[in-house]
Amino acid sequence: MIKNLIYIVIGGGFGSALRYLIQYAVHKNYPNAFPYGTFLVNIIGCFLVGLLISAVAKEKHMAQHLELLLIVGFCGGFTTFSTFAYEGNSLLGEGRIGYAFLYIGLSVLAGMLFAYLGFRLGKG
């Protein structure tokens, strides 16, 4: 159990750090228009989850520690539902209702689409 947690912590740490770097770079260039950084990392994360789950399904013998490291840890740390919810609520609170619904709708639809595309691509 402890060994599994270590894999998750390592993957989650790298995923969270990469998320921060991408969000920082995107928000630096697009500071007030739309939460592009969170949108981007969540869509990339959805694609990666689909791709990795497909790889796990294809390689039935894939080591559990790789699943924990990459899917639970890295993708879990890389994507962020809490920031998505916070930014959606912030847009609503600022009266930017169109942006809020665009952000929420696009995030859900694009996330599902990219998870599917990742899964299909990984399936080969």
C-alpha atoms as a PDB file:
ATOM      1  CA  MET A   1       0.000   0.000   0.000  1.00  0.00           C
ATOM      2  CA  ILE A   2       2.761   2.470   0.912  1.00  0.00           C
ATOM      3  CA  LYS A   3       4.586   1.656  -2.318  1.00  0.00           C
ATOM      4  CA  ASN A   4       1.412   2.429  -4.304  1.00  0.00           C
ATOM      5  CA  LEU A   5       1.019   5.760  -2.516  1.00  0.00           C
ATOM      6  CA  ILE A   6       4.597   6.681  -3.355  1.00  0.00           C
ATOM      7  CA  TYR A   7       3.919   6.126  -7.069  1.00  0.00           C
ATOM      8  CA  ILE A   8       0.800   8.311  -6.849  1.00  0.00           C
ATOM      9  CA  VAL A   9       2.649  11.077  -4.966  1.00  0.00           C
ATOM     10  CA  ILE A  10       5.504  11.120  -7.470  1.00  0.00           C
ATOM     11  CA  GLY A  11       3.171  11.191 -10.482  1.00  0.00           C
ATOM     12  CA  GLY A  12       0.901  13.756  -8.841  1.00  0.00           C
ATOM     13  CA  GLY A  13       3.836  16.014  -8.014  1.00  0.00           C
ATOM     14  CA  PHE A  14       5.079  16.042 -11.590  1.00  0.00           C
ATOM     15  CA  GLY A  15       1.556  16.508 -12.955  1.00  0.00           C
ATOM     16  CA  SER A  16       0.828  19.407 -10.602  1.00  0.00           C
ATOM     17  CA  ALA A  17       4.140  21.113 -11.386  1.00  0.00           C
ATOM     18  CA  LEU A  18       3.576  20.813 -15.127  1.00  0.00           C
ATOM     19  CA  ARG A  19       0.022  22.122 -14.743  1.00  0.00           C
ATOM     20  CA  TYR A  20       1.324  25.148 -12.855  1.00  0.00           C
ATOM     21  CA  LEU A  21       3.953  25.891 -15.514  1.00  0.00           C
ATOM     22  CA  ILE A  22       1.471  25.635 -18.384  1.00  0.00           C
ATOM     23  CA  GLN A  23      -1.189  27.690 -16.592  1.00  0.00           C
ATOM     24  CA  TYR A  24       1.380  30.321 -15.643  1.00  0.00           C
ATOM     25  CA  ALA A  25       2.651  30.643 -19.218  1.00  0.00           C
ATOM     26  CA  VAL A  26      -0.846  30.804 -20.716  1.00  0.00           C
ATOM     27  CA  HIS A  27      -2.268  33.236 -18.143  1.00  0.00           C
ATOM     28  CA  LYS A  28       0.781  35.459 -18.570  1.00  0.00           C
ATOM     29  CA  ASN A  29      -0.077  35.898 -22.263  1.00  0.00           C
ATOM     30  CA  TYR A  30      -3.888  35.909 -21.866  1.00  0.00           C
ATOM     31  CA  PRO A  31      -4.483  37.352 -18.388  1.00  0.00           C
ATOM     32  CA  ASN A  32      -8.135  38.385 -18.268  1.00  0.00           C
ATOM     33  CA  ALA A  33     -10.042  37.056 -21.224  1.00  0.00           C
ATOM     34  CA  PHE A  34     -10.845  33.433 -20.477  1.00  0.00           C
ATOM     35  CA  PRO A  35      -9.335  30.689 -18.268  1.00  0.00           C
ATOM     36  CA  TYR A  36      -7.358  29.288 -21.203  1.00  0.00           C
ATOM     37  CA  GLY A  37      -4.657  27.732 -19.017  1.00  0.00           C
ATOM     38  CA  THR A  38      -7.017  25.550 -16.994  1.00  0.00           C
ATOM     39  CA  PHE A  39      -9.009  24.710 -20.107  1.00  0.00           C
ATOM     40  CA  LEU A  40      -5.850  23.622 -21.915  1.00  0.00           C
ATOM     41  CA  VAL A  41      -4.455  21.422 -19.135  1.00  0.00           C
ATOM     42  CA  ASN A  42      -7.822  19.772 -18.546  1.00  0.00           C
ATOM     43  CA  ILE A  43      -8.262  18.964 -22.248  1.00  0.00           C
ATOM     44  CA  ILE A  44      -4.695  17.643 -22.546  1.00  0.00           C
ATOM     45  CA  GLY A  45      -5.270  15.623 -19.368  1.00  0.00           C
ATOM     46  CA  CYS A  46      -8.493  14.136 -20.734  1.00  0.00           C
ATOM     47  CA  PHE A  47      -6.665  13.108 -23.902  1.00  0.00           C
ATOM     48  CA  LEU A  48      -3.839  11.544 -21.891  1.00  0.00           C
ATOM     49  CA  VAL A  49      -6.266   9.642 -19.647  1.00  0.00           C
ATOM     50  CA  GLY A  50      -8.021   8.229 -22.714  1.00  0.00           C
ATOM     51  CA  LEU A  51      -4.710   7.289 -24.303  1.00  0.00           C
ATOM     52  CA  LEU A  52      -3.363   5.679 -21.130  1.00  0.00           C
ATOM     53  CA  ILE A  53      -6.555   3.776 -20.343  1.00  0.00           C
ATOM     54  CA  SER A  54      -6.522   2.442 -23.874  1.00  0.00           C
ATOM     55  CA  ALA A  55      -2.916   1.340 -23.412  1.00  0.00           C
ATOM     56  CA  VAL A  56      -3.849  -0.406 -20.158  1.00  0.00           C
ATOM     57  CA  ALA A  57      -6.751  -2.174 -21.882  1.00  0.00           C
ATOM     58  CA  LYS A  58      -4.500  -3.231 -24.755  1.00  0.00           C
ATOM     59  CA  GLU A  59      -1.634  -4.345 -22.533  1.00  0.00           C
ATOM     60  CA  LYS A  60      -3.560  -6.383 -19.991  1.00  0.00           C
ATOM     61  CA  HIS A  61      -0.327  -7.101 -18.177  1.00  0.00           C
ATOM     62  CA  MET A  62       0.724  -3.447 -17.730  1.00  0.00           C
ATOM     63  CA  ALA A  63       2.217  -3.068 -14.306  1.00  0.00           C
ATOM     64  CA  GLN A  64      -0.101  -1.614 -11.693  1.00  0.00           C
ATOM     65  CA  HIS A  65       2.577   0.820 -10.535  1.00  0.00           C
ATOM     66  CA  LEU A  66       2.589   2.423 -14.017  1.00  0.00           C
ATOM     67  CA  GLU A  67      -1.187   2.882 -13.888  1.00  0.00           C
ATOM     68  CA  LEU A  68      -0.903   4.478 -10.451  1.00  0.00           C
ATOM     69  CA  LEU A  69       2.031   6.676 -11.467  1.00  0.00           C
ATOM     70  CA  LEU A  70       0.639   7.880 -14.807  1.00  0.00           C
ATOM     71  CA  ILE A  71      -3.166   7.784 -14.581  1.00  0.00           C
ATOM     72  CA  VAL A  72      -3.972   8.311 -10.913  1.00  0.00           C
ATOM     73  CA  GLY A  73      -0.881  10.347 -10.042  1.00  0.00           C
ATOM     74  CA  PHE A  74       0.244  12.328 -13.070  1.00  0.00           C
ATOM     75  CA  CYS A  75      -3.124  12.878 -14.777  1.00  0.00           C
ATOM     76  CA  GLY A  76      -4.840  13.406 -11.429  1.00  0.00           C
ATOM     77  CA  GLY A  77      -2.311  16.072 -10.466  1.00  0.00           C
ATOM     78  CA  PHE A  78      -2.201  17.597 -13.941  1.00  0.00           C
ATOM     79  CA  THR A  79      -5.938  18.128 -14.374  1.00  0.00           C
ATOM     80  CA  THR A  80      -7.943  20.229 -11.975  1.00  0.00           C
ATOM     81  CA  PHE A  81     -11.672  20.104 -11.421  1.00  0.00           C
ATOM     82  CA  SER A  82     -11.511  22.421  -8.424  1.00  0.00           C
ATOM     83  CA  THR A  83      -9.844  25.218 -10.412  1.00  0.00           C
ATOM     84  CA  PHE A  84     -12.352  24.659 -13.218  1.00  0.00           C
ATOM     85  CA  ALA A  85     -15.219  25.099 -10.722  1.00  0.00           C
ATOM     86  CA  TYR A  86     -13.592  28.150  -9.126  1.00  0.00           C
ATOM     87  CA  GLU A  87     -12.968  29.881 -12.453  1.00  0.00           C
ATOM     88  CA  GLY A  88     -16.461  29.086 -13.714  1.00  0.00           C
ATOM     89  CA  ASN A  89     -17.940  30.591 -10.546  1.00  0.00           C
ATOM     90  CA  SER A  90     -15.619  33.599 -10.796  1.00  0.00           C
ATOM     91  CA  LEU A  91     -16.803  34.323 -14.323  1.00  0.00           C
ATOM     92  CA  LEU A  92     -20.408  34.107 -13.148  1.00  0.00           C
ATOM     93  CA  GLY A  93     -19.654  36.353 -10.158  1.00  0.00           C
ATOM     94  CA  GLU A  94     -18.085  38.940 -12.453  1.00  0.00           C
ATOM     95  CA  GLY A  95     -21.235  38.964 -14.562  1.00  0.00           C
ATOM     96  CA  ARG A  96     -19.450  37.380 -17.522  1.00  0.00           C
ATOM     97  CA  ILE A  97     -22.236  34.885 -18.041  1.00  0.00           C
ATOM     98  CA  GLY A  98     -21.497  34.181 -21.698  1.00  0.00           C
ATOM     99  CA  TYR A  99     -17.861  33.400 -20.938  1.00  0.00           C
ATOM    100  CA  ALA A 100     -18.893  31.254 -17.974  1.00  0.00           C
ATOM    101  CA  PHE A 101     -21.244  29.085 -19.988  1.00  0.00           C
ATOM    102  CA  LEU A 102     -18.812  28.908 -22.888  1.00  0.00           C
ATOM    103  CA  TYR A 103     -16.035  27.815 -20.530  1.00  0.00           C
ATOM    104  CA  ILE A 104     -18.165  25.237 -18.723  1.00  0.00           C
ATOM    105  CA  GLY A 105     -19.746  23.849 -21.887  1.00  0.00           C
ATOM    106  CA  LEU A 106     -16.534  23.699 -23.880  1.00  0.00           C
ATOM    107  CA  SER A 107     -14.645  22.134 -20.976  1.00  0.00           C
ATOM    108  CA  VAL A 108     -17.137  19.307 -20.596  1.00  0.00           C
ATOM    109  CA  LEU A 109     -17.661  18.661 -24.311  1.00  0.00           C
ATOM    110  CA  ALA A 110     -14.018  19.011 -25.336  1.00  0.00           C
ATOM    111  CA  GLY A 111     -12.907  16.948 -22.337  1.00  0.00           C
ATOM    112  CA  MET A 112     -15.190  14.092 -23.297  1.00  0.00           C
ATOM    113  CA  LEU A 113     -14.201  14.359 -26.963  1.00  0.00           C
ATOM    114  CA  PHE A 114     -10.464  14.379 -26.250  1.00  0.00           C
ATOM    115  CA  ALA A 115     -10.736  11.471 -23.798  1.00  0.00           C
ATOM    116  CA  TYR A 116     -12.527   9.530 -26.538  1.00  0.00           C
ATOM    117  CA  LEU A 117      -9.936  10.547 -29.156  1.00  0.00           C
ATOM    118  CA  GLY A 118      -7.100   9.498 -26.850  1.00  0.00           C
ATOM    119  CA  PHE A 119      -8.776   6.171 -26.221  1.00  0.00           C
ATOM    120  CA  ARG A 120      -9.351   5.567 -29.940  1.00  0.00           C
ATOM    121  CA  LEU A 121      -5.802   6.592 -30.842  1.00  0.00           C
ATOM    122  CA  GLY A 122      -4.356   4.334 -28.160  1.00  0.00           C
ATOM    123  CA  LYS A 123      -6.487   1.446 -29.350  1.00  0.00           C
ATOM    124  CA  GLY A 124      -4.836   1.740 -32.752  1.00  0.00           C
END
